[in-house]
PDB file of N, CA and C in Angstrom:
ATOM      1  N   MET A   1      13.987 -95.335  10.533  1.00  0.00           N
ATOM      2  CA  MET A   1      12.235 -96.247  10.391  1.00  0.00           C
ATOM      3  C   MET A   1      11.875 -97.554  12.432  1.00  0.00           C
ATOM      4  N   ASP A   2      11.240 -97.531  12.846  1.00  0.00           N
ATOM      5  CA  ASP A   2      10.742 -97.996  13.463  1.00  0.00           C
ATOM      6  C   ASP A   2      10.001 -98.879  13.549  1.00  0.00           C
ATOM      7  N   VAL A   3      10.818-100.795  13.295  1.00  0.00           N
ATOM      8  CA  VAL A   3      10.202-101.493  12.989  1.00  0.00           C
ATOM      9  C   VAL A   3      10.327-102.606  14.112  1.00  0.00           C
ATOM     10  N   PRO A   4       9.722-103.279  15.243  1.00  0.00           N
ATOM     11  CA  PRO A   4       9.439-103.082  16.236  1.00  0.00           C
ATOM     12  C   PRO A   4      10.165-105.707  15.908  1.00  0.00           C
ATOM     13  N   ALA A   5      11.134-105.369  16.273  1.00  0.00           N
ATOM     14  CA  ALA A   5      12.663-106.662  16.004  1.00  0.00           C
ATOM     15  C   ALA A   5      10.962-108.029  16.350  1.00  0.00           C
ATOM     16  N   HIS A   6       9.759-108.028  17.247  1.00  0.00           N
ATOM     17  CA  HIS A   6       9.503-109.468  17.853  1.00  0.00           C
ATOM     18  C   HIS A   6       7.939-109.349  16.731  1.00  0.00           C
ATOM     19  N   LEU A   7       8.332-108.636  15.660  1.00  0.00           N
ATOM     20  CA  LEU A   7       6.961-108.492  15.355  1.00  0.00           C
ATOM     21  C   LEU A   7       6.989-109.145  13.295  1.00  0.00           C
ATOM     22  N   ARG A   8       6.149-109.321  12.602  1.00  0.00           N
ATOM     23  CA  ARG A   8       6.206-109.910  11.422  1.00  0.00           C
ATOM     24  C   ARG A   8       5.697-109.800  10.839  1.00  0.00           C
ATOM     25  N   TYR A   9       5.724-109.318   8.818  1.00  0.00           N
ATOM     26  CA  TYR A   9       5.640-108.140   8.657  1.00  0.00           C
ATOM     27  C   TYR A   9       5.170-108.293   6.610  1.00  0.00           C
ATOM     28  N   SER A  10       3.733-107.881   6.301  1.00  0.00           N
ATOM     29  CA  SER A  10       3.548-108.822   4.898  1.00  0.00           C
ATOM     30  C   SER A  10       4.576-107.521   3.457  1.00  0.00           C
ATOM     31  N   VAL A  11       4.285-107.850   2.857  1.00  0.00           N
ATOM     32  CA  VAL A  11       4.767-106.568   1.624  1.00  0.00           C
ATOM     33  C   VAL A  11       3.105-105.885   1.218  1.00  0.00           C
ATOM     34  N   HIS A  12       2.272-106.103   1.833  1.00  0.00           N
ATOM     35  CA  HIS A  12       1.227-104.252   2.063  1.00  0.00           C
ATOM     36  C   HIS A  12       1.494-103.735   3.379  1.00  0.00           C
ATOM     37  N   HIS A  13       2.641-103.438   4.167  1.00  0.00           N
ATOM     38  CA  HIS A  13       2.702-102.599   5.637  1.00  0.00           C
ATOM     39  C   HIS A  13       1.879-102.621   5.968  1.00  0.00           C
ATOM     40  N   GLU A  14       1.464-103.678   6.595  1.00  0.00           N
ATOM     41  CA  GLU A  14       1.192-104.459   7.716  1.00  0.00           C
ATOM     42  C   GLU A  14       1.790-105.481   8.362  1.00  0.00           C
ATOM     43  N   TRP A  15       1.230-105.418  10.299  1.00  0.00           N
ATOM     44  CA  TRP A  15       2.417-106.555  11.256  1.00  0.00           C
ATOM     45  C   TRP A  15       1.159-106.959  11.486  1.00  0.00           C
ATOM     46  N   ILE A  16       1.789-107.996  12.414  1.00  0.00           N
ATOM     47  CA  ILE A  16       1.395-109.161  13.158  1.00  0.00           C
ATOM     48  C   ILE A  16       2.055-109.366  14.021  1.00  0.00           C
ATOM     49  N   ASP A  17       1.522-109.546  15.111  1.00  0.00           N
ATOM     50  CA  ASP A  17       2.626-109.557  16.497  1.00  0.00           C
ATOM     51  C   ASP A  17       1.332-110.789  16.704  1.00  0.00           C
ATOM     52  N   ASP A  18       1.631-112.581  16.598  1.00  0.00           N
ATOM     53  CA  ASP A  18       1.834-114.116  16.164  1.00  0.00           C
ATOM     54  C   ASP A  18       1.948-114.158  17.555  1.00  0.00           C
ATOM     55  N   THR A  19       2.883-113.561  18.428  1.00  0.00           N
ATOM     56  CA  THR A  19       3.328-114.152  19.576  1.00  0.00           C
ATOM     57  C   THR A  19       1.826-114.168  20.636  1.00  0.00           C
ATOM     58  N   THR A  20       0.916-114.057  20.944  1.00  0.00           N
ATOM     59  CA  THR A  20       0.454-114.236  21.587  1.00  0.00           C
ATOM     60  C   THR A  20      -1.673-115.156  20.361  1.00  0.00           C
ATOM     61  N   ASP A  21      -2.692-115.029  21.532  1.00  0.00           N
ATOM     62  CA  ASP A  21      -3.170-115.449  20.337  1.00  0.00           C
ATOM     63  C   ASP A  21      -4.941-115.227  21.537  1.00  0.00           C
ATOM     64  N   PRO A  22      -5.786-114.573  20.765  1.00  0.00           N
ATOM     65  CA  PRO A  22      -5.932-114.373  19.278  1.00  0.00           C
ATOM     66  C   PRO A  22      -4.102-113.111  19.159  1.00  0.00           C
ATOM     67  N   ALA A  23      -3.781-112.990  17.293  1.00  0.00           N
ATOM     68  CA  ALA A  23      -2.692-112.856  17.230  1.00  0.00           C
ATOM     69  C   ALA A  23      -3.403-110.916  16.757  1.00  0.00           C
ATOM     70  N   THR A  24      -2.200-109.804  17.227  1.00  0.00           N
ATOM     71  CA  THR A  24      -2.373-108.693  16.449  1.00  0.00           C
ATOM     72  C   THR A  24      -2.522-108.052  15.551  1.00  0.00           C
ATOM     73  N   VAL A  25      -2.996-107.344  14.841  1.00  0.00           N
ATOM     74  CA  VAL A  25      -2.475-106.725  13.362  1.00  0.00           C
ATOM     75  C   VAL A  25      -2.351-105.179  13.279  1.00  0.00           C
ATOM     76  N   GLY A  26      -1.760-104.581  12.170  1.00  0.00           N
ATOM     77  CA  GLY A  26      -1.823-103.681  12.271  1.00  0.00           C
ATOM     78  C   GLY A  26      -1.256-102.322  11.180  1.00  0.00           C
ATOM     79  N   ILE A  27      -0.727-101.309  11.283  1.00  0.00           N
ATOM     80  CA  ILE A  27       0.146-100.963   9.871  1.00  0.00           C
ATOM     81  C   ILE A  27       1.036-100.479  10.442  1.00  0.00           C
ATOM     82  N   THR A  28       1.848-100.758   9.432  1.00  0.00           N
ATOM     83  CA  THR A  28       3.201-100.284   9.576  1.00  0.00           C
ATOM     84  C   THR A  28       3.894 -98.827  10.067  1.00  0.00           C
ATOM     85  N   ALA A  29       4.298 -98.462  10.728  1.00  0.00           N
ATOM     86  CA  ALA A  29       4.990 -96.414  10.809  1.00  0.00           C
ATOM     87  C   ALA A  29       5.500 -96.511   9.504  1.00  0.00           C
ATOM     88  N   PHE A  30       6.114 -97.081   8.727  1.00  0.00           N
ATOM     89  CA  PHE A  30       6.389 -96.514   6.560  1.00  0.00           C
ATOM     90  C   PHE A  30       5.398 -95.804   6.703  1.00  0.00           C
ATOM     91  N   ALA A  31       3.585 -96.735   6.750  1.00  0.00           N
ATOM     92  CA  ALA A  31       2.807 -97.085   5.587  1.00  0.00           C
ATOM     93  C   ALA A  31       1.942 -96.235   6.790  1.00  0.00           C
ATOM     94  N   ALA A  32       1.666 -95.746   7.764  1.00  0.00           N
ATOM     95  CA  ALA A  32       0.853 -94.261   8.599  1.00  0.00           C
ATOM     96  C   ALA A  32       2.056 -93.625   7.792  1.00  0.00           C
ATOM     97  N   SER A  33       2.584 -93.200   7.769  1.00  0.00           N
ATOM     98  CA  SER A  33       3.968 -92.392   7.186  1.00  0.00           C
ATOM     99  C   SER A  33       3.447 -91.666   5.932  1.00  0.00           C
ATOM    100  N   ALA A  34       3.342 -92.878   5.602  1.00  0.00           N
ATOM    101  CA  ALA A  34       3.066 -92.202   4.303  1.00  0.00           C
ATOM    102  C   ALA A  34       1.693 -92.474   3.771  1.00  0.00           C
ATOM    103  N   LEU A  35       0.630 -92.844   4.698  1.00  0.00           N
ATOM    104  CA  LEU A  35      -0.422 -92.277   4.977  1.00  0.00           C
ATOM    105  C   LEU A  35      -1.095 -90.671   5.149  1.00  0.00           C
ATOM    106  N   GLY A  36      -0.409 -90.335   6.170  1.00  0.00           N
ATOM    107  CA  GLY A  36      -0.222 -88.899   6.411  1.00  0.00           C
ATOM    108  C   GLY A  36      -0.714 -89.266   8.072  1.00  0.00           C
ATOM    109  N   ASP A  37      -2.049 -87.686   8.104  1.00  0.00           N
ATOM    110  CA  ASP A  37      -2.781 -87.759   8.146  1.00  0.00           C
ATOM    111  C   ASP A  37      -4.670 -88.605   8.536  1.00  0.00           C
ATOM    112  N   VAL A  38      -4.283 -90.188   9.118  1.00  0.00           N
ATOM    113  CA  VAL A  38      -5.265 -90.432   9.591  1.00  0.00           C
ATOM    114  C   VAL A  38      -6.849 -90.066   9.685  1.00  0.00           C
ATOM    115  N   ILE A  39      -8.263 -90.344   9.247  1.00  0.00           N
ATOM    116  CA  ILE A  39      -9.262 -89.624   9.826  1.00  0.00           C
ATOM    117  C   ILE A  39     -10.085 -90.417   9.824  1.00  0.00           C
ATOM    118  N   TYR A  40      -9.866 -91.266   8.837  1.00  0.00           N
ATOM    119  CA  TYR A  40     -10.951 -93.113   8.707  1.00  0.00           C
ATOM    120  C   TYR A  40     -10.669 -93.935   8.570  1.00  0.00           C
ATOM    121  N   ALA A  41     -11.350 -94.997   9.053  1.00  0.00           N
ATOM    122  CA  ALA A  41     -10.781 -96.575   9.255  1.00  0.00           C
ATOM    123  C   ALA A  41     -11.705 -97.432   9.182  1.00  0.00           C
ATOM    124  N   GLU A  42     -12.013 -98.587   8.647  1.00  0.00           N
ATOM    125  CA  GLU A  42     -13.018 -99.395   7.980  1.00  0.00           C
ATOM    126  C   GLU A  42     -12.514-100.850   8.024  1.00  0.00           C
ATOM    127  N   LEU A  43     -12.970-101.133   9.373  1.00  0.00           N
ATOM    128  CA  LEU A  43     -12.598-102.414  10.103  1.00  0.00           C
ATOM    129  C   LEU A  43     -14.082-103.898   9.388  1.00  0.00           C
ATOM    130  N   PRO A  44     -12.879-105.042   8.981  1.00  0.00           N
ATOM    131  CA  PRO A  44     -14.344-106.438   8.943  1.00  0.00           C
ATOM    132  C   PRO A  44     -15.040-106.616  10.081  1.00  0.00           C
ATOM    133  N   ASP A  45     -15.756-106.852  10.460  1.00  0.00           N
ATOM    134  CA  ASP A  45     -16.663-107.219  10.959  1.00  0.00           C
ATOM    135  C   ASP A  45     -16.315-108.648  12.568  1.00  0.00           C
ATOM    136  N   PRO A  46     -16.086-108.320  13.667  1.00  0.00           N
ATOM    137  CA  PRO A  46     -15.682-110.071  14.425  1.00  0.00           C
ATOM    138  C   PRO A  46     -16.309-110.855  13.535  1.00  0.00           C
ATOM    139  N   GLY A  47     -15.565-112.149  14.134  1.00  0.00           N
ATOM    140  CA  GLY A  47     -16.684-113.470  13.079  1.00  0.00           C
ATOM    141  C   GLY A  47     -16.608-113.868  12.232  1.00  0.00           C
ATOM    142  N   SER A  48     -16.126-112.404  11.948  1.00  0.00           N
ATOM    143  CA  SER A  48     -15.104-112.806  10.095  1.00  0.00           C
ATOM    144  C   SER A  48     -14.106-113.271   9.356  1.00  0.00           C
ATOM    145  N   HIS A  49     -14.457-114.178   8.836  1.00  0.00           N
ATOM    146  CA  HIS A  49     -13.723-115.922   7.743  1.00  0.00           C
ATOM    147  C   HIS A  49     -12.946-115.352   7.269  1.00  0.00           C
ATOM    148  N   LEU A  50     -11.451-114.537   6.950  1.00  0.00           N
ATOM    149  CA  LEU A  50     -11.153-114.225   5.766  1.00  0.00           C
ATOM    150  C   LEU A  50      -9.067-115.171   5.442  1.00  0.00           C
ATOM    151  N   THR A  51      -8.639-114.847   4.569  1.00  0.00           N
ATOM    152  CA  THR A  51      -8.115-116.271   3.617  1.00  0.00           C
ATOM    153  C   THR A  51      -6.855-114.446   3.714  1.00  0.00           C
ATOM    154  N   ALA A  52      -5.837-115.197   4.414  1.00  0.00           N
ATOM    155  CA  ALA A  52      -3.973-114.072   3.948  1.00  0.00           C
ATOM    156  C   ALA A  52      -4.537-113.437   2.426  1.00  0.00           C
ATOM    157  N   GLY A  53      -3.743-112.261   2.659  1.00  0.00           N
ATOM    158  CA  GLY A  53      -4.132-110.998   1.012  1.00  0.00           C
ATOM    159  C   GLY A  53      -5.694-111.434   0.880  1.00  0.00           C
ATOM    160  N   ASP A  54      -6.584-111.271   1.380  1.00  0.00           N
ATOM    161  CA  ASP A  54      -8.111-110.332   1.017  1.00  0.00           C
ATOM    162  C   ASP A  54      -8.164-108.904   1.626  1.00  0.00           C
ATOM    163  N   VAL A  55      -8.798-108.449   0.748  1.00  0.00           N
ATOM    164  CA  VAL A  55      -8.984-107.031   1.772  1.00  0.00           C
ATOM    165  C   VAL A  55      -9.784-107.139   3.259  1.00  0.00           C
ATOM    166  N   CYS A  56      -9.164-106.366   4.025  1.00  0.00           N
ATOM    167  CA  CYS A  56      -9.788-106.457   5.120  1.00  0.00           C
ATOM    168  C   CYS A  56     -10.850-105.276   5.854  1.00  0.00           C
ATOM    169  N   GLY A  57     -10.353-103.990   5.200  1.00  0.00           N
ATOM    170  CA  GLY A  57     -10.478-103.140   5.821  1.00  0.00           C
ATOM    171  C   GLY A  57      -9.986-101.744   4.369  1.00  0.00           C
ATOM    172  N   GLU A  58     -10.000-100.614   5.211  1.00  0.00           N
ATOM    173  CA  GLU A  58      -9.343 -99.533   4.224  1.00  0.00           C
ATOM    174  C   GLU A  58      -9.283 -98.249   5.081  1.00  0.00           C
ATOM    175  N   VAL A  59      -7.740 -98.000   5.466  1.00  0.00           N
ATOM    176  CA  VAL A  59      -8.076 -96.132   5.897  1.00  0.00           C
ATOM    177  C   VAL A  59      -7.748 -94.963   5.116  1.00  0.00           C
ATOM    178  N   GLU A  60      -8.547 -94.274   5.638  1.00  0.00           N
ATOM    179  CA  GLU A  60      -8.550 -92.767   4.502  1.00  0.00           C
ATOM    180  C   GLU A  60      -7.663 -91.425   5.385  1.00  0.00           C
ATOM    181  N   SER A  61      -6.551 -90.618   4.419  1.00  0.00           N
ATOM    182  CA  SER A  61      -6.544 -90.050   4.678  1.00  0.00           C
ATOM    183  C   SER A  61      -6.136 -88.803   4.148  1.00  0.00           C
ATOM    184  N   THR A  62      -5.976 -87.552   4.574  1.00  0.00           N
ATOM    185  CA  THR A  62      -5.188 -86.494   4.200  1.00  0.00           C
ATOM    186  C   THR A  62      -5.395 -86.783   2.107  1.00  0.00           C
ATOM    187  N   LYS A  63      -4.078 -87.409   2.809  1.00  0.00           N
ATOM    188  CA  LYS A  63      -3.742 -88.031   1.524  1.00  0.00           C
ATOM    189  C   LYS A  63      -4.010 -88.459   0.328  1.00  0.00           C
ATOM    190  N   SER A  64      -4.373 -90.272   0.445  1.00  0.00           N
ATOM    191  CA  SER A  64      -5.422 -90.961  -0.472  1.00  0.00           C
ATOM    192  C   SER A  64      -6.006 -92.014   0.613  1.00  0.00           C
ATOM    193  N   VAL A  65      -6.147 -93.108   0.224  1.00  0.00           N
ATOM    194  CA  VAL A  65      -6.849 -93.454   1.175  1.00  0.00           C
ATOM    195  C   VAL A  65      -6.350 -95.535   0.345  1.00  0.00           C
ATOM    196  N   ALA A  66      -5.546 -95.508   0.827  1.00  0.00           N
ATOM    197  CA  ALA A  66      -5.128 -97.599   1.367  1.00  0.00           C
ATOM    198  C   ALA A  66      -5.746 -99.023   1.549  1.00  0.00           C
ATOM    199  N   GLU A  67      -5.874 -99.676   0.926  1.00  0.00           N
ATOM    200  CA  GLU A  67      -6.536-101.020   0.932  1.00  0.00           C
ATOM    201  C   GLU A  67      -5.356-101.190   2.256  1.00  0.00           C
ATOM    202  N   LEU A  68      -6.645-102.401   2.994  1.00  0.00           N
ATOM    203  CA  LEU A  68      -6.151-102.613   4.804  1.00  0.00           C
ATOM    204  C   LEU A  68      -5.925-104.834   3.472  1.00  0.00           C
ATOM    205  N   TYR A  69      -4.739-105.517   3.758  1.00  0.00           N
ATOM    206  CA  TYR A  69      -4.949-106.684   3.597  1.00  0.00           C
ATOM    207  C   TYR A  69      -4.471-108.027   4.634  1.00  0.00           C
ATOM    208  N   LEU A  70      -4.725-108.858   4.960  1.00  0.00           N
ATOM    209  CA  LEU A  70      -4.913-109.083   5.475  1.00  0.00           C
ATOM    210  C   LEU A  70      -3.668-110.491   5.812  1.00  0.00           C
ATOM    211  N   PRO A  71      -2.353-110.261   6.575  1.00  0.00           N
ATOM    212  CA  PRO A  71      -1.411-110.719   6.058  1.00  0.00           C
ATOM    213  C   PRO A  71      -1.506-112.254   6.417  1.00  0.00           C
ATOM    214  N   VAL A  72      -2.401-112.718   6.629  1.00  0.00           N
ATOM    215  CA  VAL A  72      -2.684-114.425   7.457  1.00  0.00           C
ATOM    216  C   VAL A  72      -3.769-114.022   7.223  1.00  0.00           C
ATOM    217  N   SER A  73      -4.441-115.762   7.018  1.00  0.00           N
ATOM    218  CA  SER A  73      -5.802-115.946   7.644  1.00  0.00           C
ATOM    219  C   SER A  73      -6.563-116.035   8.883  1.00  0.00           C
ATOM    220  N   GLY A  74      -8.006-116.433   9.031  1.00  0.00           N
ATOM    221  CA  GLY A  74      -8.456-116.552  10.579  1.00  0.00           C
ATOM    222  C   GLY A  74      -9.455-115.657  10.596  1.00  0.00           C
ATOM    223  N   ASP A  75      -9.860-116.231  11.912  1.00  0.00           N
ATOM    224  CA  ASP A  75     -11.685-115.570  12.254  1.00  0.00           C
ATOM    225  C   ASP A  75     -10.311-113.962  12.745  1.00  0.00           C
ATOM    226  N   VAL A  76     -11.252-113.103  12.511  1.00  0.00           N
ATOM    227  CA  VAL A  76     -11.304-111.882  13.859  1.00  0.00           C
ATOM    228  C   VAL A  76     -12.572-111.979  15.044  1.00  0.00           C
ATOM    229  N   VAL A  77     -11.394-111.550  15.227  1.00  0.00           N
ATOM    230  CA  VAL A  77     -11.784-111.555  17.000  1.00  0.00           C
ATOM    231  C   VAL A  77     -12.437-110.670  17.329  1.00  0.00           C
ATOM    232  N   ALA A  78     -12.022-109.407  17.313  1.00  0.00           N
ATOM    233  CA  ALA A  78     -11.937-107.809  17.636  1.00  0.00           C
ATOM    234  C   ALA A  78     -11.644-107.241  16.425  1.00  0.00           C
ATOM    235  N   VAL A  79     -12.138-106.026  17.310  1.00  0.00           N
ATOM    236  CA  VAL A  79     -11.464-105.088  15.708  1.00  0.00           C
ATOM    237  C   VAL A  79     -10.983-103.247  17.189  1.00  0.00           C
ATOM    238  N   ASN A  80     -10.188-102.700  16.538  1.00  0.00           N
ATOM    239  CA  ASN A  80     -10.037-101.484  17.349  1.00  0.00           C
ATOM    240  C   ASN A  80     -10.901-100.273  17.202  1.00  0.00           C
ATOM    241  N   GLU A  81     -12.211-100.815  18.592  1.00  0.00           N
ATOM    242  CA  GLU A  81     -12.731 -99.560  18.397  1.00  0.00           C
ATOM    243  C   GLU A  81     -12.354 -97.549  19.040  1.00  0.00           C
ATOM    244  N   GLU A  82     -11.236 -98.128  20.297  1.00  0.00           N
ATOM    245  CA  GLU A  82     -10.812 -97.007  20.239  1.00  0.00           C
ATOM    246  C   GLU A  82     -10.261 -96.365  19.260  1.00  0.00           C
ATOM    247  N   ALA A  83      -9.720 -97.055  17.663  1.00  0.00           N
ATOM    248  CA  ALA A  83      -9.431 -96.724  16.735  1.00  0.00           C
ATOM    249  C   ALA A  83     -10.052 -95.740  15.387  1.00  0.00           C
ATOM    250  N   LEU A  84     -10.934 -96.897  15.883  1.00  0.00           N
ATOM    251  CA  LEU A  84     -12.142 -96.426  14.582  1.00  0.00           C
ATOM    252  C   LEU A  84     -13.041 -95.791  14.998  1.00  0.00           C
ATOM    253  N   ALA A  85     -13.422 -94.674  16.294  1.00  0.00           N
ATOM    254  CA  ALA A  85     -13.143 -93.892  17.434  1.00  0.00           C
ATOM    255  C   ALA A  85     -12.507 -92.819  16.619  1.00  0.00           C
ATOM    256  N   ASP A  86     -11.788 -93.065  16.341  1.00  0.00           N
ATOM    257  CA  ASP A  86     -10.099 -91.730  16.924  1.00  0.00           C
ATOM    258  C   ASP A  86      -8.750 -92.136  15.802  1.00  0.00           C
ATOM    259  N   PRO A  87      -9.173 -91.928  14.597  1.00  0.00           N
ATOM    260  CA  PRO A  87      -8.787 -92.755  13.491  1.00  0.00           C
ATOM    261  C   PRO A  87      -6.903 -92.176  13.718  1.00  0.00           C
ATOM    262  N   GLY A  88      -6.922 -91.053  13.659  1.00  0.00           N
ATOM    263  CA  GLY A  88      -5.563 -90.846  14.527  1.00  0.00           C
ATOM    264  C   GLY A  88      -4.385 -91.384  15.523  1.00  0.00           C
ATOM    265  N   LEU A  89      -4.967 -92.657  15.558  1.00  0.00           N
ATOM    266  CA  LEU A  89      -4.708 -93.151  16.925  1.00  0.00           C
ATOM    267  C   LEU A  89      -3.440 -94.190  15.671  1.00  0.00           C
ATOM    268  N   ILE A  90      -3.987 -94.676  14.617  1.00  0.00           N
ATOM    269  CA  ILE A  90      -3.852 -95.349  13.576  1.00  0.00           C
ATOM    270  C   ILE A  90      -2.000 -94.995  13.068  1.00  0.00           C
ATOM    271  N   GLY A  91      -1.822 -94.143  13.115  1.00  0.00           N
ATOM    272  CA  GLY A  91      -0.800 -93.006  12.416  1.00  0.00           C
ATOM    273  C   GLY A  91       0.012 -92.309  13.432  1.00  0.00           C
ATOM    274  N   ALA A  92      -0.374 -92.157  14.991  1.00  0.00           N
ATOM    275  CA  ALA A  92       0.206 -91.421  16.170  1.00  0.00           C
ATOM    276  C   ALA A  92       0.909 -92.613  16.764  1.00  0.00           C
ATOM    277  N   ASP A  93       0.537 -93.787  16.401  1.00  0.00           N
ATOM    278  CA  ASP A  93       1.037 -95.014  17.898  1.00  0.00           C
ATOM    279  C   ASP A  93       0.540 -95.983  17.082  1.00  0.00           C
ATOM    280  N   PRO A  94       1.794 -96.143  15.830  1.00  0.00           N
ATOM    281  CA  PRO A  94       0.369 -97.563  14.942  1.00  0.00           C
ATOM    282  C   PRO A  94       1.255 -99.085  15.545  1.00  0.00           C
ATOM    283  N   TYR A  95       1.845 -99.363  15.916  1.00  0.00           N
ATOM    284  CA  TYR A  95       2.134-100.704  17.179  1.00  0.00           C
ATOM    285  C   TYR A  95       2.650-100.764  18.414  1.00  0.00           C
ATOM    286  N   GLY A  96       0.932 -99.206  18.741  1.00  0.00           N
ATOM    287  CA  GLY A  96       0.708 -99.481  20.286  1.00  0.00           C
ATOM    288  C   GLY A  96      -0.858 -99.462  20.009  1.00  0.00           C
ATOM    289  N   ARG A  97      -1.634 -98.515  20.789  1.00  0.00           N
ATOM    290  CA  ARG A  97      -2.944 -98.409  20.796  1.00  0.00           C
ATOM    291  C   ARG A  97      -3.636 -98.090  18.977  1.00  0.00           C
ATOM    292  N   GLY A  98      -2.770 -97.836  18.081  1.00  0.00           N
ATOM    293  CA  GLY A  98      -3.681 -97.509  16.806  1.00  0.00           C
ATOM    294  C   GLY A  98      -3.071 -99.120  16.313  1.00  0.00           C
ATOM    295  N   TRP A  99      -3.590-100.080  16.919  1.00  0.00           N
ATOM    296  CA  TRP A  99      -3.514-101.165  15.928  1.00  0.00           C
ATOM    297  C   TRP A  99      -5.084-101.824  15.459  1.00  0.00           C
ATOM    298  N   LEU A 100      -5.305-102.545  15.184  1.00  0.00           N
ATOM    299  CA  LEU A 100      -6.718-102.400  14.010  1.00  0.00           C
ATOM    300  C   LEU A 100      -7.438-103.904  14.538  1.00  0.00           C
ATOM    301  N   LEU A 101      -6.811-104.556  14.781  1.00  0.00           N
ATOM    302  CA  LEU A 101      -7.673-106.491  14.028  1.00  0.00           C
ATOM    303  C   LEU A 101      -7.046-107.197  15.363  1.00  0.00           C
ATOM    304  N   ARG A 102      -7.614-108.468  15.486  1.00  0.00           N
ATOM    305  CA  ARG A 102      -6.710-108.893  16.343  1.00  0.00           C
ATOM    306  C   ARG A 102      -7.741-110.338  16.187  1.00  0.00           C
ATOM    307  N   VAL A 103      -6.144-111.760  15.685  1.00  0.00           N
ATOM    308  CA  VAL A 103      -7.705-112.791  14.955  1.00  0.00           C
ATOM    309  C   VAL A 103      -7.012-113.857  15.083  1.00  0.00           C
ATOM    310  N   ARG A 104      -7.980-114.652  14.945  1.00  0.00           N
ATOM    311  CA  ARG A 104      -6.923-115.707  15.573  1.00  0.00           C
ATOM    312  C   ARG A 104      -6.577-116.712  14.028  1.00  0.00           C
ATOM    313  N   VAL A 105      -5.371-116.677  14.185  1.00  0.00           N
ATOM    314  CA  VAL A 105      -4.889-117.997  12.954  1.00  0.00           C
ATOM    315  C   VAL A 105      -5.074-118.534  12.811  1.00  0.00           C
ATOM    316  N   THR A 106      -5.384-119.154  11.036  1.00  0.00           N
ATOM    317  CA  THR A 106      -5.074-120.779  10.991  1.00  0.00           C
ATOM    318  C   THR A 106      -4.189-120.766   9.999  1.00  0.00           C
ATOM    319  N   GLY A 107      -3.616-119.735   9.433  1.00  0.00           N
ATOM    320  CA  GLY A 107      -2.390-120.284   8.710  1.00  0.00           C
ATOM    321  C   GLY A 107      -2.117-118.571   7.713  1.00  0.00           C
ATOM    322  N   GLY A 108      -1.558-119.067   6.585  1.00  0.00           N
ATOM    323  CA  GLY A 108      -1.005-118.485   5.737  1.00  0.00           C
ATOM    324  C   GLY A 108       0.273-118.022   6.078  1.00  0.00           C
ATOM    325  N   PRO A 109       0.707-117.397   4.941  1.00  0.00           N
ATOM    326  CA  PRO A 109       1.967-117.915   3.888  1.00  0.00           C
ATOM    327  C   PRO A 109       3.363-117.034   5.281  1.00  0.00           C
ATOM    328  N   PRO A 110       4.743-116.884   4.576  1.00  0.00           N
ATOM    329  CA  PRO A 110       4.726-116.531   5.232  1.00  0.00           C
ATOM    330  C   PRO A 110       5.996-115.336   5.318  1.00  0.00           C
ATOM    331  N   LEU A 111       6.447-114.724   5.973  1.00  0.00           N
ATOM    332  CA  LEU A 111       6.392-112.910   6.292  1.00  0.00           C
ATOM    333  C   LEU A 111       7.222-112.901   6.804  1.00  0.00           C
ATOM    334  N   MET A 112       8.149-111.516   6.957  1.00  0.00           N
ATOM    335  CA  MET A 112       9.351-111.109   6.842  1.00  0.00           C
ATOM    336  C   MET A 112       9.712-110.581   8.815  1.00  0.00           C
ATOM    337  N   SER A 113      10.594-110.968   8.742  1.00  0.00           N
ATOM    338  CA  SER A 113      11.161-110.234  10.397  1.00  0.00           C
ATOM    339  C   SER A 113      11.583-108.778   9.948  1.00  0.00           C
ATOM    340  N   ALA A 114      11.898-108.413  11.395  1.00  0.00           N
ATOM    341  CA  ALA A 114      11.689-106.784  11.034  1.00  0.00           C
ATOM    342  C   ALA A 114      12.829-106.913  10.287  1.00  0.00           C
ATOM    343  N   ASP A 115      14.059-106.905   9.927  1.00  0.00           N
ATOM    344  CA  ASP A 115      15.322-106.862   8.834  1.00  0.00           C
ATOM    345  C   ASP A 115      15.052-106.730   8.388  1.00  0.00           C
ATOM    346  N   GLU A 116      14.296-107.940   7.519  1.00  0.00           N
ATOM    347  CA  GLU A 116      13.793-108.197   6.309  1.00  0.00           C
ATOM    348  C   GLU A 116      13.150-106.915   5.856  1.00  0.00           C
ATOM    349  N   TYR A 117      11.947-106.976   6.749  1.00  0.00           N
ATOM    350  CA  TYR A 117      11.024-105.491   5.963  1.00  0.00           C
ATOM    351  C   TYR A 117      11.561-104.446   6.222  1.00  0.00           C
ATOM    352  N   ARG A 118      12.908-103.802   7.065  1.00  0.00           N
ATOM    353  CA  ARG A 118      13.610-102.359   6.980  1.00  0.00           C
ATOM    354  C   ARG A 118      13.944-102.920   5.716  1.00  0.00           C
ATOM    355  N   VAL A 119      14.357-103.549   5.109  1.00  0.00           N
ATOM    356  CA  VAL A 119      15.441-103.746   3.698  1.00  0.00           C
ATOM    357  C   VAL A 119      14.588-103.630   3.133  1.00  0.00           C
ATOM    358  N   PHE A 120      12.939-103.947   2.773  1.00  0.00           N
ATOM    359  CA  PHE A 120      11.833-104.312   1.741  1.00  0.00           C
ATOM    360  C   PHE A 120      11.181-102.481   1.723  1.00  0.00           C
ATOM    361  N   ALA A 121      10.845-101.900   3.010  1.00  0.00           N
ATOM    362  CA  ALA A 121      10.647 -99.851   3.257  1.00  0.00           C
ATOM    363  C   ALA A 121      11.596 -99.750   2.452  1.00  0.00           C
ATOM    364  N   ASP A 122      13.104 -99.311   3.037  1.00  0.00           N
ATOM    365  CA  ASP A 122      13.992 -98.886   2.186  1.00  0.00           C
ATOM    366  C   ASP A 122      13.973 -98.839   0.981  1.00  0.00           C
ATOM    367  N   ASP A 123      13.484-100.045   0.270  1.00  0.00           N
ATOM    368  CA  ASP A 123      13.409-100.029  -1.202  1.00  0.00           C
ATOM    369  C   ASP A 123      12.426 -99.751  -1.584  1.00  0.00           C
ATOM    370  N   ALA A 124      11.206 -99.484  -1.625  1.00  0.00           N
ATOM    371  CA  ALA A 124      10.205 -98.739  -1.797  1.00  0.00           C
ATOM    372  C   ALA A 124      10.248 -97.252  -1.689  1.00  0.00           C
ATOM    373  N   ARG A 125      10.796 -96.885  -0.839  1.00  0.00           N
ATOM    374  CA  ARG A 125      11.366 -95.037  -0.332  1.00  0.00           C
ATOM    375  C   ARG A 125      11.671 -95.554  -1.944  1.00  0.00           C
TER     376      ARG A 125
END
């Protein structure tokens, strides 16, 4: 399972790269695999202020619909228009071109390291 070491992870299978400002958020390869072929995504409007754990959108696949939860508190500064136009990118390249949001982080709970997430995701299987 692909779990990049430089990212942090939530229990809802979202990742965040907070090494840059704004931080980038997406879903994990584990979540993308569970969803299957992604056919639609809905994301919040830039300028939205959200609190960690808030629903910030949804991803629909041929199998199901999954809500997205923001792993941190902050202001949405951008959404991935390319992924909205071609939702298949979310599943095909979840850590690259399939990113979802850019957020200016204002706070939030502790998140899992890559090693912690790998154990968590293995237990979730």
